[in-house]
Amino acid sequence: MRIRFHRSALLCAALGITPTLGADPAPPAQPPNLVLITLDTLRADRLGCYGYAAAETPALDRLAREGTLFERAVAVAPLT
């Protein structure tokens, strides 16, 4: 048996959001801050936040340092 997930379900799971059935959920005390950055044809091993010493990416490095940096991500198809 194969289980299929929609992208929105996977995003909710990654953010720790659980759906409620029937009842309206209470609003969160403070909504989460979320910035999703997508880049075309950029290798992670050329960013300072992933260890490349010669990188000149201070803004991305700061976002990674002050936020959440995913060190391992998997894509179904690595298309750009």
C-alpha atoms as a PDB file:
ATOM      1  CA  MET A   1       0.000   0.000   0.000  1.00  0.00           C
ATOM      2  CA  ARG A   2       1.384   3.388  -0.964  1.00  0.00           C
ATOM      3  CA  ILE A   3       0.532   6.517   0.949  1.00  0.00           C
ATOM      4  CA  ARG A   4       0.596   9.804  -0.925  1.00  0.00           C
ATOM      5  CA  PHE A   5       1.133  13.114   0.769  1.00  0.00           C
ATOM      6  CA  HIS A   6       0.312  16.514  -0.591  1.00  0.00           C
ATOM      7  CA  ARG A   7       3.053  19.118  -0.341  1.00  0.00           C
ATOM      8  CA  SER A   8       0.908  21.163   2.039  1.00  0.00           C
ATOM      9  CA  ALA A   9       0.615  18.179   4.382  1.00  0.00           C
ATOM     10  CA  LEU A  10       4.376  17.724   4.385  1.00  0.00           C
ATOM     11  CA  LEU A  11       4.900  21.433   5.060  1.00  0.00           C
ATOM     12  CA  CYS A  12       2.442  21.273   7.969  1.00  0.00           C
ATOM     13  CA  ALA A  13       4.263  18.258   9.358  1.00  0.00           C
ATOM     14  CA  ALA A  14       7.609  20.021   9.047  1.00  0.00           C
ATOM     15  CA  LEU A  15       6.238  23.039  10.899  1.00  0.00           C
ATOM     16  CA  GLY A  16       4.609  20.940  13.606  1.00  0.00           C
ATOM     17  CA  ILE A  17       1.086  21.985  12.620  1.00  0.00           C
ATOM     18  CA  THR A  18      -1.540  19.357  13.319  1.00  0.00           C
ATOM     19  CA  PRO A  19      -5.004  19.500  11.762  1.00  0.00           C
ATOM     20  CA  THR A  20      -8.090  19.447  13.955  1.00  0.00           C
ATOM     21  CA  LEU A  21     -11.286  17.766  12.893  1.00  0.00           C
ATOM     22  CA  GLY A  22     -14.616  19.355  13.710  1.00  0.00           C
ATOM     23  CA  ALA A  23     -13.509  22.053  16.142  1.00  0.00           C
ATOM     24  CA  ASP A  24     -12.005  25.424  15.361  1.00  0.00           C
ATOM     25  CA  PRO A  25      -8.456  25.503  16.679  1.00  0.00           C
ATOM     26  CA  ALA A  26      -7.479  28.208  19.118  1.00  0.00           C
ATOM     27  CA  PRO A  27      -5.321  30.868  17.477  1.00  0.00           C
ATOM     28  CA  PRO A  28      -1.657  30.624  18.412  1.00  0.00           C
ATOM     29  CA  ALA A  29      -0.338  33.059  20.995  1.00  0.00           C
ATOM     30  CA  GLN A  30       2.010  34.399  18.340  1.00  0.00           C
ATOM     31  CA  PRO A  31       1.997  33.265  14.724  1.00  0.00           C
ATOM     32  CA  PRO A  32       5.218  31.580  13.597  1.00  0.00           C
ATOM     33  CA  ASN A  33       7.707  33.528  11.516  1.00  0.00           C
ATOM     34  CA  LEU A  34       8.544  31.635   8.356  1.00  0.00           C
ATOM     35  CA  VAL A  35      10.824  32.593   5.491  1.00  0.00           C
ATOM     36  CA  LEU A  36      11.160  30.075   2.683  1.00  0.00           C
ATOM     37  CA  ILE A  37      14.071  30.790   0.370  1.00  0.00           C
ATOM     38  CA  THR A  38      14.312  29.003  -2.948  1.00  0.00           C
ATOM     39  CA  LEU A  39      17.255  29.541  -5.260  1.00  0.00           C
ATOM     40  CA  ASP A  40      17.878  28.311  -8.766  1.00  0.00           C
ATOM     41  CA  THR A  41      21.098  26.442  -9.601  1.00  0.00           C
ATOM     42  CA  LEU A  42      22.975  27.139  -6.369  1.00  0.00           C
ATOM     43  CA  ARG A  43      24.948  24.400  -4.673  1.00  0.00           C
ATOM     44  CA  ALA A  44      24.762  24.272  -0.886  1.00  0.00           C
ATOM     45  CA  ASP A  45      28.489  23.561  -0.673  1.00  0.00           C
ATOM     46  CA  ARG A  46      29.162  27.072  -2.038  1.00  0.00           C
ATOM     47  CA  LEU A  47      27.447  28.861   0.866  1.00  0.00           C
ATOM     48  CA  GLY A  48      29.234  30.018   3.997  1.00  0.00           C
ATOM     49  CA  CYS A  49      26.559  28.554   6.260  1.00  0.00           C
ATOM     50  CA  TYR A  50      27.398  25.110   4.871  1.00  0.00           C
ATOM     51  CA  GLY A  51      31.126  25.498   5.449  1.00  0.00           C
ATOM     52  CA  TYR A  52      32.516  27.098   2.277  1.00  0.00           C
ATOM     53  CA  ALA A  53      35.167  29.499   3.612  1.00  0.00           C
ATOM     54  CA  ALA A  54      35.489  31.548   0.406  1.00  0.00           C
ATOM     55  CA  ALA A  55      31.745  32.280   0.198  1.00  0.00           C
ATOM     56  CA  GLU A  56      30.510  35.848   0.134  1.00  0.00           C
ATOM     57  CA  THR A  57      26.973  35.195   1.372  1.00  0.00           C
ATOM     58  CA  PRO A  58      26.693  37.169   4.640  1.00  0.00           C
ATOM     59  CA  ALA A  59      22.915  37.668   4.515  1.00  0.00           C
ATOM     60  CA  LEU A  60      22.159  33.973   3.946  1.00  0.00           C
ATOM     61  CA  ASP A  61      24.762  32.997   6.544  1.00  0.00           C
ATOM     62  CA  ARG A  62      23.109  35.260   9.115  1.00  0.00           C
ATOM     63  CA  LEU A  63      19.640  33.862   8.339  1.00  0.00           C
ATOM     64  CA  ALA A  64      21.018  30.353   8.786  1.00  0.00           C
ATOM     65  CA  ARG A  65      22.794  31.270  12.017  1.00  0.00           C
ATOM     66  CA  GLU A  66      19.768  32.965  13.599  1.00  0.00           C
ATOM     67  CA  GLY A  67      17.120  30.621  12.207  1.00  0.00           C
ATOM     68  CA  THR A  68      16.877  26.947  11.361  1.00  0.00           C
ATOM     69  CA  LEU A  69      19.393  25.441   8.968  1.00  0.00           C
ATOM     70  CA  PHE A  70      18.459  22.154   7.352  1.00  0.00           C
ATOM     71  CA  GLU A  71      21.606  20.107   6.888  1.00  0.00           C
ATOM     72  CA  ARG A  72      19.855  17.271   5.100  1.00  0.00           C
ATOM     73  CA  ALA A  73      16.921  17.710   2.736  1.00  0.00           C
ATOM     74  CA  VAL A  74      15.526  15.321   0.164  1.00  0.00           C
ATOM     75  CA  ALA A  75      13.730  16.193  -3.051  1.00  0.00           C
ATOM     76  CA  VAL A  76      11.770  13.837  -5.272  1.00  0.00           C
ATOM     77  CA  ALA A  77      13.258  15.452  -8.361  1.00  0.00           C
ATOM     78  CA  PRO A  78      16.166  17.905  -8.114  1.00  0.00           C
ATOM     79  CA  LEU A  79      14.874  20.107 -10.925  1.00  0.00           C
ATOM     80  CA  THR A  80      15.609  23.818 -10.978  1.00  0.00           C
END
